[in-house]
PDB file of N, CA and C in Angstrom:
ATOM      1  N   MET A   1     -38.731  -3.588  12.518  1.00  0.00           N
ATOM      2  CA  MET A   1     -37.663  -3.025  13.389  1.00  0.00           C
ATOM      3  C   MET A   1     -36.517  -4.194  13.550  1.00  0.00           C
ATOM      4  N   MET A   2     -37.001  -5.259  13.520  1.00  0.00           N
ATOM      5  CA  MET A   2     -35.972  -6.503  13.577  1.00  0.00           C
ATOM      6  C   MET A   2     -34.986  -6.350  12.466  1.00  0.00           C
ATOM      7  N   ASN A   3     -35.444  -5.931  11.282  1.00  0.00           N
ATOM      8  CA  ASN A   3     -34.637  -5.868  10.073  1.00  0.00           C
ATOM      9  C   ASN A   3     -33.495  -4.864  10.309  1.00  0.00           C
ATOM     10  N   MET A   4     -33.892  -3.748  10.965  1.00  0.00           N
ATOM     11  CA  MET A   4     -32.894  -2.645  11.156  1.00  0.00           C
ATOM     12  C   MET A   4     -31.874  -3.095  12.080  1.00  0.00           C
ATOM     13  N   GLN A   5     -32.158  -3.938  13.146  1.00  0.00           N
ATOM     14  CA  GLN A   5     -31.195  -4.422  14.118  1.00  0.00           C
ATOM     15  C   GLN A   5     -30.257  -5.386  13.282  1.00  0.00           C
ATOM     16  N   ASN A   6     -30.752  -6.296  12.502  1.00  0.00           N
ATOM     17  CA  ASN A   6     -29.799  -7.281  11.721  1.00  0.00           C
ATOM     18  C   ASN A   6     -29.010  -6.363  10.867  1.00  0.00           C
ATOM     19  N   LEU A   7     -29.552  -5.425  10.171  1.00  0.00           N
ATOM     20  CA  LEU A   7     -28.701  -4.446   9.408  1.00  0.00           C
ATOM     21  C   LEU A   7     -27.570  -3.809  10.090  1.00  0.00           C
ATOM     22  N   MET A   8     -27.823  -3.292  11.354  1.00  0.00           N
ATOM     23  CA  MET A   8     -26.800  -2.789  12.130  1.00  0.00           C
ATOM     24  C   MET A   8     -25.717  -3.730  12.509  1.00  0.00           C
ATOM     25  N   LYS A   9     -26.268  -4.929  12.895  1.00  0.00           N
ATOM     26  CA  LYS A   9     -25.264  -6.028  13.359  1.00  0.00           C
ATOM     27  C   LYS A   9     -24.355  -6.311  12.105  1.00  0.00           C
ATOM     28  N   GLN A  10     -24.929  -6.443  10.946  1.00  0.00           N
ATOM     29  CA  GLN A  10     -24.117  -6.735   9.727  1.00  0.00           C
ATOM     30  C   GLN A  10     -23.115  -5.618   9.487  1.00  0.00           C
ATOM     31  N   ALA A  11     -23.564  -4.468   9.634  1.00  0.00           N
ATOM     32  CA  ALA A  11     -22.753  -3.166   9.372  1.00  0.00           C
ATOM     33  C   ALA A  11     -21.558  -3.236  10.415  1.00  0.00           C
ATOM     34  N   GLN A  12     -21.818  -3.503  11.676  1.00  0.00           N
ATOM     35  CA  GLN A  12     -20.684  -3.430  12.676  1.00  0.00           C
ATOM     36  C   GLN A  12     -19.795  -4.704  12.384  1.00  0.00           C
ATOM     37  N   LYS A  13     -20.338  -5.742  11.886  1.00  0.00           N
ATOM     38  CA  LYS A  13     -19.347  -6.980  11.774  1.00  0.00           C
ATOM     39  C   LYS A  13     -18.475  -6.606  10.507  1.00  0.00           C
ATOM     40  N   MET A  14     -19.098  -5.878   9.487  1.00  0.00           N
ATOM     41  CA  MET A  14     -18.278  -5.523   8.323  1.00  0.00           C
ATOM     42  C   MET A  14     -17.211  -4.602   8.659  1.00  0.00           C
ATOM     43  N   GLN A  15     -17.624  -3.572   9.551  1.00  0.00           N
ATOM     44  CA  GLN A  15     -16.618  -2.559  10.061  1.00  0.00           C
ATOM     45  C   GLN A  15     -15.405  -3.218  10.725  1.00  0.00           C
ATOM     46  N   LYS A  16     -15.762  -4.163  11.531  1.00  0.00           N
ATOM     47  CA  LYS A  16     -14.585  -4.933  12.289  1.00  0.00           C
ATOM     48  C   LYS A  16     -13.828  -5.620  11.344  1.00  0.00           C
ATOM     49  N   GLN A  17     -14.363  -6.235  10.307  1.00  0.00           N
ATOM     50  CA  GLN A  17     -13.690  -7.000   9.226  1.00  0.00           C
ATOM     51  C   GLN A  17     -12.683  -6.052   8.451  1.00  0.00           C
ATOM     52  N   MET A  18     -13.354  -4.928   8.064  1.00  0.00           N
ATOM     53  CA  MET A  18     -12.493  -3.804   7.366  1.00  0.00           C
ATOM     54  C   MET A  18     -11.374  -3.336   8.143  1.00  0.00           C
ATOM     55  N   GLU A  19     -11.632  -3.117   9.439  1.00  0.00           N
ATOM     56  CA  GLU A  19     -10.502  -2.603  10.295  1.00  0.00           C
ATOM     57  C   GLU A  19      -9.322  -3.665  10.390  1.00  0.00           C
ATOM     58  N   GLN A  20      -9.755  -4.896  10.521  1.00  0.00           N
ATOM     59  CA  GLN A  20      -8.809  -5.947  10.560  1.00  0.00           C
ATOM     60  C   GLN A  20      -7.959  -6.063   9.242  1.00  0.00           C
ATOM     61  N   SER A  21      -8.747  -6.012   8.236  1.00  0.00           N
ATOM     62  CA  SER A  21      -8.054  -5.929   6.766  1.00  0.00           C
ATOM     63  C   SER A  21      -7.084  -4.801   6.582  1.00  0.00           C
ATOM     64  N   GLN A  22      -7.560  -3.622   7.129  1.00  0.00           N
ATOM     65  CA  GLN A  22      -6.738  -2.407   7.063  1.00  0.00           C
ATOM     66  C   GLN A  22      -5.403  -2.561   7.873  1.00  0.00           C
ATOM     67  N   ASN A  23      -5.541  -3.192   9.130  1.00  0.00           N
ATOM     68  CA  ASN A  23      -4.399  -3.356   9.953  1.00  0.00           C
ATOM     69  C   ASN A  23      -3.459  -4.445   9.342  1.00  0.00           C
ATOM     70  N   GLU A  24      -4.034  -5.454   8.811  1.00  0.00           N
ATOM     71  CA  GLU A  24      -3.169  -6.374   8.064  1.00  0.00           C
ATOM     72  C   GLU A  24      -2.268  -5.789   6.956  1.00  0.00           C
ATOM     73  N   LEU A  25      -3.058  -4.918   6.124  1.00  0.00           N
ATOM     74  CA  LEU A  25      -2.324  -4.117   4.958  1.00  0.00           C
ATOM     75  C   LEU A  25      -1.283  -3.338   5.631  1.00  0.00           C
ATOM     76  N   ALA A  26      -1.512  -2.595   6.724  1.00  0.00           N
ATOM     77  CA  ALA A  26      -0.535  -1.664   7.265  1.00  0.00           C
ATOM     78  C   ALA A  26       0.719  -2.447   7.705  1.00  0.00           C
ATOM     79  N   ALA A  27       0.465  -3.701   8.152  1.00  0.00           N
ATOM     80  CA  ALA A  27       1.545  -4.495   8.583  1.00  0.00           C
ATOM     81  C   ALA A  27       2.460  -5.135   7.429  1.00  0.00           C
ATOM     82  N   MET A  28       1.890  -5.147   6.318  1.00  0.00           N
ATOM     83  CA  MET A  28       2.608  -5.714   5.023  1.00  0.00           C
ATOM     84  C   MET A  28       3.677  -4.728   4.567  1.00  0.00           C
ATOM     85  N   GLU A  29       4.721  -5.278   3.923  1.00  0.00           N
ATOM     86  CA  GLU A  29       5.650  -4.471   3.222  1.00  0.00           C
ATOM     87  C   GLU A  29       5.570  -4.594   1.677  1.00  0.00           C
ATOM     88  N   PHE A  30       5.659  -3.482   0.977  1.00  0.00           N
ATOM     89  CA  PHE A  30       5.652  -3.458  -0.453  1.00  0.00           C
ATOM     90  C   PHE A  30       6.887  -2.926  -0.926  1.00  0.00           C
ATOM     91  N   VAL A  31       7.350  -3.531  -2.054  1.00  0.00           N
ATOM     92  CA  VAL A  31       8.608  -3.161  -2.678  1.00  0.00           C
ATOM     93  C   VAL A  31       8.363  -2.535  -3.913  1.00  0.00           C
ATOM     94  N   GLY A  32       8.988  -1.355  -4.329  1.00  0.00           N
ATOM     95  CA  GLY A  32       8.909  -0.787  -5.514  1.00  0.00           C
ATOM     96  C   GLY A  32      10.510  -0.658  -6.071  1.00  0.00           C
ATOM     97  N   LYS A  33      10.587  -0.731  -7.321  1.00  0.00           N
ATOM     98  CA  LYS A  33      12.017  -0.770  -7.933  1.00  0.00           C
ATOM     99  C   LYS A  33      12.021   0.219  -9.141  1.00  0.00           C
ATOM    100  N   SER A  34      13.199   0.787  -9.132  1.00  0.00           N
ATOM    101  CA  SER A  34      13.320   1.741 -10.306  1.00  0.00           C
ATOM    102  C   SER A  34      13.887   0.863 -11.584  1.00  0.00           C
ATOM    103  N   ALA A  35      14.191   1.527 -12.629  1.00  0.00           N
ATOM    104  CA  ALA A  35      14.788   0.743 -13.843  1.00  0.00           C
ATOM    105  C   ALA A  35      15.955   0.041 -13.377  1.00  0.00           C
ATOM    106  N   GLN A  36      16.160  -1.137 -13.781  1.00  0.00           N
ATOM    107  CA  GLN A  36      17.390  -1.958 -13.497  1.00  0.00           C
ATOM    108  C   GLN A  36      17.603  -2.243 -12.018  1.00  0.00           C
ATOM    109  N   ASP A  37      16.501  -2.025 -11.235  1.00  0.00           N
ATOM    110  CA  ASP A  37      16.553  -2.246  -9.698  1.00  0.00           C
ATOM    111  C   ASP A  37      17.795  -1.453  -9.105  1.00  0.00           C
ATOM    112  N   LEU A  38      17.917  -0.219  -9.720  1.00  0.00           N
ATOM    113  CA  LEU A  38      19.171   0.452  -9.137  1.00  0.00           C
ATOM    114  C   LEU A  38      18.736   1.176  -7.741  1.00  0.00           C
ATOM    115  N   VAL A  39      17.455   1.382  -7.657  1.00  0.00           N
ATOM    116  CA  VAL A  39      16.848   2.010  -6.335  1.00  0.00           C
ATOM    117  C   VAL A  39      15.670   1.021  -5.991  1.00  0.00           C
ATOM    118  N   VAL A  40      15.708   0.613  -4.743  1.00  0.00           N
ATOM    119  CA  VAL A  40      14.522  -0.197  -4.176  1.00  0.00           C
ATOM    120  C   VAL A  40      13.972   0.474  -2.970  1.00  0.00           C
ATOM    121  N   ALA A  41      12.703   0.761  -3.093  1.00  0.00           N
ATOM    122  CA  ALA A  41      12.030   1.397  -1.962  1.00  0.00           C
ATOM    123  C   ALA A  41      11.051   0.407  -1.284  1.00  0.00           C
ATOM    124  N   THR A  42      11.199   0.341   0.032  1.00  0.00           N
ATOM    125  CA  THR A  42      10.208  -0.591   0.722  1.00  0.00           C
ATOM    126  C   THR A  42       9.353   0.292   1.643  1.00  0.00           C
ATOM    127  N   LEU A  43       8.069   0.024   1.479  1.00  0.00           N
ATOM    128  CA  LEU A  43       7.113   0.805   2.239  1.00  0.00           C
ATOM    129  C   LEU A  43       6.147  -0.152   2.906  1.00  0.00           C
ATOM    130  N   THR A  44       5.504   0.327   4.009  1.00  0.00           N
ATOM    131  CA  THR A  44       4.492  -0.441   4.716  1.00  0.00           C
ATOM    132  C   THR A  44       2.977  -0.208   3.895  1.00  0.00           C
ATOM    133  N   GLY A  45       2.075  -0.896   4.203  1.00  0.00           N
ATOM    134  CA  GLY A  45       0.788  -0.706   3.628  1.00  0.00           C
ATOM    135  C   GLY A  45       0.121   0.512   3.959  1.00  0.00           C
ATOM    136  N   ASP A  46       0.548   1.230   5.062  1.00  0.00           N
ATOM    137  CA  ASP A  46      -0.127   2.337   5.427  1.00  0.00           C
ATOM    138  C   ASP A  46       0.971   3.522   4.850  1.00  0.00           C
ATOM    139  N   LYS A  47       1.638   3.273   3.949  1.00  0.00           N
ATOM    140  CA  LYS A  47       2.489   4.164   3.071  1.00  0.00           C
ATOM    141  C   LYS A  47       3.568   4.862   3.862  1.00  0.00           C
ATOM    142  N   LYS A  48       4.146   4.179   4.842  1.00  0.00           N
ATOM    143  CA  LYS A  48       5.316   4.690   5.537  1.00  0.00           C
ATOM    144  C   LYS A  48       6.628   3.968   4.909  1.00  0.00           C
ATOM    145  N   ILE A  49       7.611   4.800   4.677  1.00  0.00           N
ATOM    146  CA  ILE A  49       8.876   4.333   4.069  1.00  0.00           C
ATOM    147  C   ILE A  49       9.690   3.611   5.207  1.00  0.00           C
ATOM    148  N   VAL A  50       9.998   2.338   4.951  1.00  0.00           N
ATOM    149  CA  VAL A  50      10.733   1.512   5.751  1.00  0.00           C
ATOM    150  C   VAL A  50      12.287   1.631   5.370  1.00  0.00           C
ATOM    151  N   ARG A  51      12.546   1.624   4.125  1.00  0.00           N
ATOM    152  CA  ARG A  51      13.922   1.640   3.703  1.00  0.00           C
ATOM    153  C   ARG A  51      13.986   2.005   2.215  1.00  0.00           C
ATOM    154  N   ILE A  52      15.171   2.645   1.870  1.00  0.00           N
ATOM    155  CA  ILE A  52      15.417   2.917   0.466  1.00  0.00           C
ATOM    156  C   ILE A  52      16.836   2.399   0.358  1.00  0.00           C
ATOM    157  N   ASP A  53      17.017   1.488  -0.663  1.00  0.00           N
ATOM    158  CA  ASP A  53      18.306   0.923  -0.947  1.00  0.00           C
ATOM    159  C   ASP A  53      18.792   1.434  -2.292  1.00  0.00           C
ATOM    160  N   PHE A  54      20.175   1.817  -2.404  1.00  0.00           N
ATOM    161  CA  PHE A  54      20.641   2.357  -3.552  1.00  0.00           C
ATOM    162  C   PHE A  54      21.925   1.490  -4.041  1.00  0.00           C
ATOM    163  N   ASN A  55      21.817   1.083  -5.341  1.00  0.00           N
ATOM    164  CA  ASN A  55      22.882   0.327  -5.902  1.00  0.00           C
ATOM    165  C   ASN A  55      23.983   1.350  -5.998  1.00  0.00           C
ATOM    166  N   PRO A  56      25.293   0.952  -5.656  1.00  0.00           N
ATOM    167  CA  PRO A  56      26.373   1.915  -5.728  1.00  0.00           C
ATOM    168  C   PRO A  56      26.523   2.532  -7.116  1.00  0.00           C
ATOM    169  N   ALA A  57      26.192   1.806  -8.137  1.00  0.00           N
ATOM    170  CA  ALA A  57      26.252   2.348  -9.477  1.00  0.00           C
ATOM    171  C   ALA A  57      25.487   3.559  -9.788  1.00  0.00           C
ATOM    172  N   VAL A  58      24.446   3.751  -9.036  1.00  0.00           N
ATOM    173  CA  VAL A  58      23.557   4.958  -9.277  1.00  0.00           C
ATOM    174  C   VAL A  58      23.971   6.131  -8.494  1.00  0.00           C
ATOM    175  N   VAL A  59      24.908   6.033  -7.456  1.00  0.00           N
ATOM    176  CA  VAL A  59      25.179   7.081  -6.594  1.00  0.00           C
ATOM    177  C   VAL A  59      26.469   7.841  -7.225  1.00  0.00           C
ATOM    178  N   ASP A  60      26.055   9.055  -7.683  1.00  0.00           N
ATOM    179  CA  ASP A  60      27.098   9.887  -8.414  1.00  0.00           C
ATOM    180  C   ASP A  60      26.815  11.321  -7.890  1.00  0.00           C
ATOM    181  N   ALA A  61      27.720  11.784  -7.211  1.00  0.00           N
ATOM    182  CA  ALA A  61      27.674  13.118  -6.553  1.00  0.00           C
ATOM    183  C   ALA A  61      27.397  14.223  -7.659  1.00  0.00           C
ATOM    184  N   GLU A  62      27.874  13.913  -8.833  1.00  0.00           N
ATOM    185  CA  GLU A  62      27.518  14.866  -9.978  1.00  0.00           C
ATOM    186  C   GLU A  62      26.376  14.778 -10.646  1.00  0.00           C
ATOM    187  N   ASP A  63      25.623  13.792 -10.332  1.00  0.00           N
ATOM    188  CA  ASP A  63      24.322  13.385 -11.085  1.00  0.00           C
ATOM    189  C   ASP A  63      23.216  13.102 -10.038  1.00  0.00           C
ATOM    190  N   THR A  64      22.931  14.001  -9.197  1.00  0.00           N
ATOM    191  CA  THR A  64      21.913  13.700  -8.157  1.00  0.00           C
ATOM    192  C   THR A  64      20.537  13.710  -8.804  1.00  0.00           C
ATOM    193  N   GLU A  65      20.291  14.245  -9.967  1.00  0.00           N
ATOM    194  CA  GLU A  65      19.019  14.312 -10.664  1.00  0.00           C
ATOM    195  C   GLU A  65      18.578  12.878 -11.004  1.00  0.00           C
ATOM    196  N   THR A  66      19.408  12.118 -11.520  1.00  0.00           N
ATOM    197  CA  THR A  66      19.137  10.671 -11.858  1.00  0.00           C
ATOM    198  C   THR A  66      18.843  10.011 -10.507  1.00  0.00           C
ATOM    199  N   LEU A  67      19.511  10.048  -9.515  1.00  0.00           N
ATOM    200  CA  LEU A  67      19.249   9.430  -8.253  1.00  0.00           C
ATOM    201  C   LEU A  67      17.874   9.820  -7.731  1.00  0.00           C
ATOM    202  N   SER A  68      17.571  11.033  -7.882  1.00  0.00           N
ATOM    203  CA  SER A  68      16.280  11.608  -7.366  1.00  0.00           C
ATOM    204  C   SER A  68      15.137  11.033  -8.281  1.00  0.00           C
ATOM    205  N   ASP A  69      15.245  11.003  -9.595  1.00  0.00           N
ATOM    206  CA  ASP A  69      14.249  10.332 -10.506  1.00  0.00           C
ATOM    207  C   ASP A  69      14.038   8.883 -10.195  1.00  0.00           C
ATOM    208  N   MET A  70      15.257   8.161 -10.026  1.00  0.00           N
ATOM    209  CA  MET A  70      15.040   6.634  -9.749  1.00  0.00           C
ATOM    210  C   MET A  70      14.450   6.464  -8.311  1.00  0.00           C
ATOM    211  N   THR A  71      14.708   7.307  -7.422  1.00  0.00           N
ATOM    212  CA  THR A  71      14.121   7.195  -6.051  1.00  0.00           C
ATOM    213  C   THR A  71      12.620   7.374  -6.123  1.00  0.00           C
ATOM    214  N   SER A  72      12.154   8.461  -6.870  1.00  0.00           N
ATOM    215  CA  SER A  72      10.811   8.729  -7.068  1.00  0.00           C
ATOM    216  C   SER A  72      10.131   7.525  -7.793  1.00  0.00           C
ATOM    217  N   GLN A  73      10.753   6.991  -8.821  1.00  0.00           N
ATOM    218  CA  GLN A  73      10.291   5.936  -9.567  1.00  0.00           C
ATOM    219  C   GLN A  73      10.055   4.604  -8.635  1.00  0.00           C
ATOM    220  N   ALA A  74      10.887   4.446  -7.823  1.00  0.00           N
ATOM    221  CA  ALA A  74      10.847   3.249  -6.852  1.00  0.00           C
ATOM    222  C   ALA A  74       9.742   3.522  -5.943  1.00  0.00           C
ATOM    223  N   ILE A  75       9.589   4.665  -5.268  1.00  0.00           N
ATOM    224  CA  ILE A  75       8.611   4.905  -4.234  1.00  0.00           C
ATOM    225  C   ILE A  75       7.160   4.928  -4.988  1.00  0.00           C
ATOM    226  N   ASN A  76       7.052   5.375  -6.135  1.00  0.00           N
ATOM    227  CA  ASN A  76       5.859   5.405  -6.822  1.00  0.00           C
ATOM    228  C   ASN A  76       5.418   3.954  -7.217  1.00  0.00           C
ATOM    229  N   ALA A  77       6.319   3.170  -7.502  1.00  0.00           N
ATOM    230  CA  ALA A  77       6.034   1.747  -7.882  1.00  0.00           C
ATOM    231  C   ALA A  77       5.446   0.963  -6.707  1.00  0.00           C
ATOM    232  N   ALA A  78       6.187   1.298  -5.467  1.00  0.00           N
ATOM    233  CA  ALA A  78       5.676   0.726  -4.156  1.00  0.00           C
ATOM    234  C   ALA A  78       4.381   1.230  -3.851  1.00  0.00           C
ATOM    235  N   LEU A  79       4.034   2.550  -4.094  1.00  0.00           N
ATOM    236  CA  LEU A  79       2.781   3.071  -3.744  1.00  0.00           C
ATOM    237  C   LEU A  79       1.651   2.388  -4.669  1.00  0.00           C
ATOM    238  N   GLU A  80       2.063   2.279  -5.876  1.00  0.00           N
ATOM    239  CA  GLU A  80       1.058   1.494  -6.796  1.00  0.00           C
ATOM    240  C   GLU A  80       0.690   0.088  -6.349  1.00  0.00           C
ATOM    241  N   GLU A  81       1.887  -0.595  -5.871  1.00  0.00           N
ATOM    242  CA  GLU A  81       1.534  -1.888  -5.296  1.00  0.00           C
ATOM    243  C   GLU A  81       0.603  -1.872  -4.112  1.00  0.00           C
ATOM    244  N   ILE A  82       0.815  -0.798  -3.276  1.00  0.00           N
ATOM    245  CA  ILE A  82      -0.084  -0.712  -2.072  1.00  0.00           C
ATOM    246  C   ILE A  82      -1.571  -0.439  -2.452  1.00  0.00           C
ATOM    247  N   ASP A  83      -1.712   0.476  -3.572  1.00  0.00           N
ATOM    248  CA  ASP A  83      -2.953   0.852  -3.929  1.00  0.00           C
ATOM    249  C   ASP A  83      -3.819  -0.403  -4.534  1.00  0.00           C
ATOM    250  N   GLN A  84      -3.023  -1.216  -5.262  1.00  0.00           N
ATOM    251  CA  GLN A  84      -3.622  -2.531  -5.918  1.00  0.00           C
ATOM    252  C   GLN A  84      -4.025  -3.388  -4.737  1.00  0.00           C
ATOM    253  N   ALA A  85      -3.217  -3.605  -3.843  1.00  0.00           N
ATOM    254  CA  ALA A  85      -3.471  -4.520  -2.759  1.00  0.00           C
ATOM    255  C   ALA A  85      -4.644  -4.086  -1.865  1.00  0.00           C
ATOM    256  N   THR A  86      -4.741  -2.682  -1.685  1.00  0.00           N
ATOM    257  CA  THR A  86      -5.820  -2.149  -0.941  1.00  0.00           C
ATOM    258  C   THR A  86      -7.103  -2.344  -1.669  1.00  0.00           C
ATOM    259  N   LYS A  87      -7.133  -2.119  -3.030  1.00  0.00           N
ATOM    260  CA  LYS A  87      -8.414  -2.338  -3.737  1.00  0.00           C
ATOM    261  C   LYS A  87      -8.792  -3.722  -3.733  1.00  0.00           C
ATOM    262  N   LYS A  88      -7.805  -4.666  -3.827  1.00  0.00           N
ATOM    263  CA  LYS A  88      -8.200  -6.054  -3.872  1.00  0.00           C
ATOM    264  C   LYS A  88      -8.744  -6.528  -2.434  1.00  0.00           C
ATOM    265  N   LYS A  89      -8.117  -6.079  -1.364  1.00  0.00           N
ATOM    266  CA  LYS A  89      -8.470  -6.506  -0.083  1.00  0.00           C
ATOM    267  C   LYS A  89      -9.705  -5.760   0.459  1.00  0.00           C
ATOM    268  N   LEU A  90      -9.742  -4.500   0.255  1.00  0.00           N
ATOM    269  CA  LEU A  90     -10.928  -3.791   0.713  1.00  0.00           C
ATOM    270  C   LEU A  90     -12.104  -3.570  -0.183  1.00  0.00           C
ATOM    271  N   GLY A  91     -11.679  -3.639  -1.405  1.00  0.00           N
ATOM    272  CA  GLY A  91     -12.748  -3.656  -2.499  1.00  0.00           C
ATOM    273  C   GLY A  91     -13.921  -4.742  -2.302  1.00  0.00           C
ATOM    274  N   ALA A  92     -13.481  -5.770  -1.805  1.00  0.00           N
ATOM    275  CA  ALA A  92     -14.400  -6.941  -1.681  1.00  0.00           C
ATOM    276  C   ALA A  92     -15.483  -6.483  -0.765  1.00  0.00           C
ATOM    277  N   PHE A  93     -15.237  -5.605   0.236  1.00  0.00           N
ATOM    278  CA  PHE A  93     -16.296  -5.165   1.110  1.00  0.00           C
ATOM    279  C   PHE A  93     -17.385  -4.325   0.432  1.00  0.00           C
ATOM    280  N   ALA A  94     -17.125  -3.695  -0.611  1.00  0.00           N
ATOM    281  CA  ALA A  94     -18.125  -2.851  -1.241  1.00  0.00           C
ATOM    282  C   ALA A  94     -19.253  -3.628  -1.833  1.00  0.00           C
ATOM    283  N   GLY A  95     -18.933  -4.899  -2.192  1.00  0.00           N
ATOM    284  CA  GLY A  95     -19.904  -5.851  -2.724  1.00  0.00           C
ATOM    285  C   GLY A  95     -20.827  -6.429  -1.729  1.00  0.00           C
ATOM    286  N   LYS A  96     -20.360  -6.307  -0.434  1.00  0.00           N
ATOM    287  CA  LYS A  96     -21.024  -6.940   0.721  1.00  0.00           C
ATOM    288  C   LYS A  96     -21.881  -5.978   1.470  1.00  0.00           C
ATOM    289  N   LEU A  97     -21.940  -4.789   1.075  1.00  0.00           N
ATOM    290  CA  LEU A  97     -22.708  -3.746   1.819  1.00  0.00           C
ATOM    291  C   LEU A  97     -24.168  -4.131   1.686  1.00  0.00           C
ATOM    292  N   PRO A  98     -24.882  -4.155   2.736  1.00  0.00           N
ATOM    293  CA  PRO A  98     -26.222  -4.531   2.934  1.00  0.00           C
ATOM    294  C   PRO A  98     -27.252  -3.444   2.411  1.00  0.00           C
ATOM    295  N   PHE A  99     -26.831  -2.289   1.931  1.00  0.00           N
ATOM    296  CA  PHE A  99     -27.740  -1.207   1.396  1.00  0.00           C
ATOM    297  C   PHE A  99     -27.237  -0.710   0.090  1.00  0.00           C
TER     298      PHE A  99
END
C-alpha cells in the first residue's frame, strides 16, 4: 500500500510541474514570419494572436490574396514554433511517468 501512496505523490508532483510548465509556455511569445519578413505574427504559447505586423510593401488593395497567403504563412510558422517548444518542455514529462 505504501508504494501506491508514493506513486500518487509522484503523480501529483508531476501534475503540478506540468501545470507550471504549461503556464510558462502560455506566457511566452512566439514569432512567425512570412517570406522576406513581410508579415510577422506574434502569438502566445497558448496560441492566442498578440499582433500581426505588415510591411507596407505587401499591402496592396488589388492583391489581397498575397497578403492573406503571407499572413497564413507567418501564423503557421509561429504555431510550429509553439508546437516545438511545447514538445520540448512537456515531452520531458513523458519519460518521468512512474508507470
